[in-house]
Amino acid sequence: MSDFPIVSYANGERIFTAGDLADQLFFIQQGQVELLDAQGHVFTTLNSGESFGEQAFLSGGIRGASAQAAGEVVCLKISSEQANQMMAGTSPLLVPVFEALLLQLNMSNALRAGNL
């Protein structure tokens, strides 16, 4: 994981917005990140050690929620290209299973945000 860039965000800084192209995956190293629904309401808060932006693994993925820093945040950032390169070295059976799990996570987040 040391080959990936480390990025920092200030309190309240928008990391991405719902509807954006999903081209990056993030792993929180320090701090908290809020996920917001289309109306800007926080529906969950993620902590150090958690990830977000998993749609970057899906071809043509679109952000279903917005993400913003809740205090000072430090993340590892993985591009969709890097993520796909990592997946290319795995079993061909693993990719569709992983994609199905990501879609399930996306649906769960949409339900929590009241978008379904």
C-alpha atoms as a PDB file:
ATOM      1  CA  MET A   1       0.000   0.000   0.000  1.00  0.00           C
ATOM      2  CA  SER A   2       3.010   2.292   0.253  1.00  0.00           C
ATOM      3  CA  ASP A   3       2.970   2.910  -3.532  1.00  0.00           C
ATOM      4  CA  PHE A   4      -0.265   4.889  -3.287  1.00  0.00           C
ATOM      5  CA  PRO A   5      -0.387   8.657  -2.706  1.00  0.00           C
ATOM      6  CA  ILE A   6      -1.346  10.015   0.690  1.00  0.00           C
ATOM      7  CA  VAL A   7      -3.787  12.930   0.559  1.00  0.00           C
ATOM      8  CA  SER A   8      -4.969  15.274   3.308  1.00  0.00           C
ATOM      9  CA  TYR A   9      -8.283  17.085   3.628  1.00  0.00           C
ATOM     10  CA  ALA A  10      -9.259  19.958   5.924  1.00  0.00           C
ATOM     11  CA  ASN A  11     -12.395  19.983   8.050  1.00  0.00           C
ATOM     12  CA  GLY A  12     -15.472  20.289   5.822  1.00  0.00           C
ATOM     13  CA  GLU A  13     -13.513  19.830   2.593  1.00  0.00           C
ATOM     14  CA  ARG A  14     -15.443  17.966  -0.090  1.00  0.00           C
ATOM     15  CA  ILE A  15     -13.622  14.826  -1.254  1.00  0.00           C
ATOM     16  CA  PHE A  16     -16.133  14.009  -3.990  1.00  0.00           C
ATOM     17  CA  THR A  17     -19.742  14.776  -4.888  1.00  0.00           C
ATOM     18  CA  ALA A  18     -22.657  12.477  -5.722  1.00  0.00           C
ATOM     19  CA  GLY A  19     -22.875  12.069  -9.494  1.00  0.00           C
ATOM     20  CA  ASP A  20     -19.115  12.405 -10.031  1.00  0.00           C
ATOM     21  CA  LEU A  21     -17.265   9.727 -11.971  1.00  0.00           C
ATOM     22  CA  ALA A  22     -16.012   7.120  -9.508  1.00  0.00           C
ATOM     23  CA  ASP A  23     -12.323   6.983 -10.366  1.00  0.00           C
ATOM     24  CA  GLN A  24     -10.649   6.780  -6.938  1.00  0.00           C
ATOM     25  CA  LEU A  25     -10.847   4.552  -3.871  1.00  0.00           C
ATOM     26  CA  PHE A  26      -9.844   5.893  -0.439  1.00  0.00           C
ATOM     27  CA  PHE A  27      -8.548   4.247   2.758  1.00  0.00           C
ATOM     28  CA  ILE A  28      -8.817   6.449   5.834  1.00  0.00           C
ATOM     29  CA  GLN A  29      -5.495   6.565   7.671  1.00  0.00           C
ATOM     30  CA  GLN A  30      -6.469   9.251  10.168  1.00  0.00           C
ATOM     31  CA  GLY A  31      -9.669  11.123  10.992  1.00  0.00           C
ATOM     32  CA  GLN A  32     -13.295  10.723   9.972  1.00  0.00           C
ATOM     33  CA  VAL A  33     -15.202  11.078   6.696  1.00  0.00           C
ATOM     34  CA  GLU A  34     -18.916  11.844   6.436  1.00  0.00           C
ATOM     35  CA  LEU A  35     -21.043  10.432   3.627  1.00  0.00           C
ATOM     36  CA  LEU A  36     -23.900  12.710   2.591  1.00  0.00           C
ATOM     37  CA  ASP A  37     -27.106  12.104   0.670  1.00  0.00           C
ATOM     38  CA  ALA A  38     -28.324  14.250  -2.232  1.00  0.00           C
ATOM     39  CA  GLN A  39     -29.798  16.801   0.211  1.00  0.00           C
ATOM     40  CA  GLY A  40     -26.467  17.159   2.023  1.00  0.00           C
ATOM     41  CA  HIS A  41     -27.527  15.228   5.143  1.00  0.00           C
ATOM     42  CA  VAL A  42     -24.931  12.991   6.780  1.00  0.00           C
ATOM     43  CA  PHE A  43     -26.110   9.384   6.730  1.00  0.00           C
ATOM     44  CA  THR A  44     -22.946   7.734   8.058  1.00  0.00           C
ATOM     45  CA  THR A  45     -19.519   8.592   9.414  1.00  0.00           C
ATOM     46  CA  LEU A  46     -16.487   6.473   8.557  1.00  0.00           C
ATOM     47  CA  ASN A  47     -13.421   6.157  10.778  1.00  0.00           C
ATOM     48  CA  SER A  48      -9.722   5.444  10.482  1.00  0.00           C
ATOM     49  CA  GLY A  49      -9.166   1.996   8.953  1.00  0.00           C
ATOM     50  CA  GLU A  50     -12.308   2.111   6.822  1.00  0.00           C
ATOM     51  CA  SER A  51     -12.564   2.646   3.071  1.00  0.00           C
ATOM     52  CA  PHE A  52     -14.937   4.513   0.793  1.00  0.00           C
ATOM     53  CA  GLY A  53     -15.340   5.151  -2.916  1.00  0.00           C
ATOM     54  CA  GLU A  54     -15.483   1.469  -3.794  1.00  0.00           C
ATOM     55  CA  GLN A  55     -17.429   2.260  -6.967  1.00  0.00           C
ATOM     56  CA  ALA A  56     -14.012   2.993  -8.482  1.00  0.00           C
ATOM     57  CA  PHE A  57     -13.696  -0.776  -8.931  1.00  0.00           C
ATOM     58  CA  LEU A  58     -16.800  -0.865 -11.111  1.00  0.00           C
ATOM     59  CA  SER A  59     -16.439   0.023 -14.756  1.00  0.00           C
ATOM     60  CA  GLY A  60     -18.222   3.322 -15.340  1.00  0.00           C
ATOM     61  CA  GLY A  61     -19.083   3.721 -11.663  1.00  0.00           C
ATOM     62  CA  ILE A  62     -20.815   6.922 -10.571  1.00  0.00           C
ATOM     63  CA  ARG A  63     -20.713   8.300  -7.032  1.00  0.00           C
ATOM     64  CA  GLY A  64     -23.956   7.587  -5.217  1.00  0.00           C
ATOM     65  CA  ALA A  65     -23.142   9.885  -2.301  1.00  0.00           C
ATOM     66  CA  SER A  66     -20.911  12.808  -1.435  1.00  0.00           C
ATOM     67  CA  ALA A  67     -17.954  12.533   0.944  1.00  0.00           C
ATOM     68  CA  GLN A  68     -16.445  15.258   3.098  1.00  0.00           C
ATOM     69  CA  ALA A  69     -13.836  15.489   5.829  1.00  0.00           C
ATOM     70  CA  ALA A  70     -15.119  15.665   9.395  1.00  0.00           C
ATOM     71  CA  GLY A  71     -12.037  17.275  10.911  1.00  0.00           C
ATOM     72  CA  GLU A  72      -8.543  16.764   9.544  1.00  0.00           C
ATOM     73  CA  VAL A  73      -8.399  13.606   7.396  1.00  0.00           C
ATOM     74  CA  VAL A  74      -5.522  11.649   5.882  1.00  0.00           C
ATOM     75  CA  CYS A  75      -6.244   8.975   3.251  1.00  0.00           C
ATOM     76  CA  LEU A  76      -4.475   6.633   0.881  1.00  0.00           C
ATOM     77  CA  LYS A  77      -5.857   7.249  -2.611  1.00  0.00           C
ATOM     78  CA  ILE A  78      -6.009   4.471  -5.202  1.00  0.00           C
ATOM     79  CA  SER A  79      -7.003   5.258  -8.787  1.00  0.00           C
ATOM     80  CA  SER A  80      -9.456   3.017 -10.626  1.00  0.00           C
ATOM     81  CA  GLU A  81      -6.612   2.086 -12.981  1.00  0.00           C
ATOM     82  CA  GLN A  82      -4.465   0.915 -10.054  1.00  0.00           C
ATOM     83  CA  ALA A  83      -7.435  -0.948  -8.547  1.00  0.00           C
ATOM     84  CA  ASN A  84      -8.138  -2.723 -11.831  1.00  0.00           C
ATOM     85  CA  GLN A  85      -4.465  -3.695 -12.146  1.00  0.00           C
ATOM     86  CA  MET A  86      -4.638  -5.268  -8.683  1.00  0.00           C
ATOM     87  CA  MET A  87      -7.809  -7.163  -9.634  1.00  0.00           C
ATOM     88  CA  ALA A  88      -6.288  -8.374 -12.920  1.00  0.00           C
ATOM     89  CA  GLY A  89      -3.929 -10.632 -10.990  1.00  0.00           C
ATOM     90  CA  THR A  90      -6.747 -12.462  -9.196  1.00  0.00           C
ATOM     91  CA  SER A  91      -8.931 -15.400 -10.101  1.00  0.00           C
ATOM     92  CA  PRO A  92     -11.450 -14.595 -12.859  1.00  0.00           C
ATOM     93  CA  LEU A  93     -14.170 -15.855 -10.497  1.00  0.00           C
ATOM     94  CA  LEU A  94     -13.258 -13.296  -7.853  1.00  0.00           C
ATOM     95  CA  VAL A  95     -13.965 -10.214  -9.987  1.00  0.00           C
ATOM     96  CA  PRO A  96     -17.743 -10.759 -10.507  1.00  0.00           C
ATOM     97  CA  VAL A  97     -18.166 -11.783  -6.857  1.00  0.00           C
ATOM     98  CA  PHE A  98     -16.363  -8.608  -5.763  1.00  0.00           C
ATOM     99  CA  GLU A  99     -18.461  -6.472  -8.125  1.00  0.00           C
ATOM    100  CA  ALA A 100     -21.663  -8.043  -6.759  1.00  0.00           C
ATOM    101  CA  LEU A 101     -20.585  -7.231  -3.198  1.00  0.00           C
ATOM    102  CA  LEU A 102     -19.840  -3.644  -4.198  1.00  0.00           C
ATOM    103  CA  LEU A 103     -23.269  -3.297  -5.794  1.00  0.00           C
ATOM    104  CA  GLN A 104     -24.820  -4.682  -2.613  1.00  0.00           C
ATOM    105  CA  LEU A 105     -22.874  -2.113  -0.558  1.00  0.00           C
ATOM    106  CA  ASN A 106     -24.006   0.646  -2.900  1.00  0.00           C
ATOM    107  CA  MET A 107     -27.653  -0.417  -2.502  1.00  0.00           C
ATOM    108  CA  SER A 108     -27.255  -0.542   1.293  1.00  0.00           C
ATOM    109  CA  ASN A 109     -25.808   2.981   1.333  1.00  0.00           C
ATOM    110  CA  ALA A 110     -28.625   4.214  -0.895  1.00  0.00           C
ATOM    111  CA  LEU A 111     -31.195   2.722   1.491  1.00  0.00           C
ATOM    112  CA  ARG A 112     -29.506   4.316   4.519  1.00  0.00           C
ATOM    113  CA  ALA A 113     -29.442   7.645   2.702  1.00  0.00           C
ATOM    114  CA  GLY A 114     -33.146   7.307   1.806  1.00  0.00           C
ATOM    115  CA  ASN A 115     -32.466   7.310  -1.931  1.00  0.00           C
ATOM    116  CA  LEU A 116     -34.470   4.136  -2.611  1.00  0.00           C
END
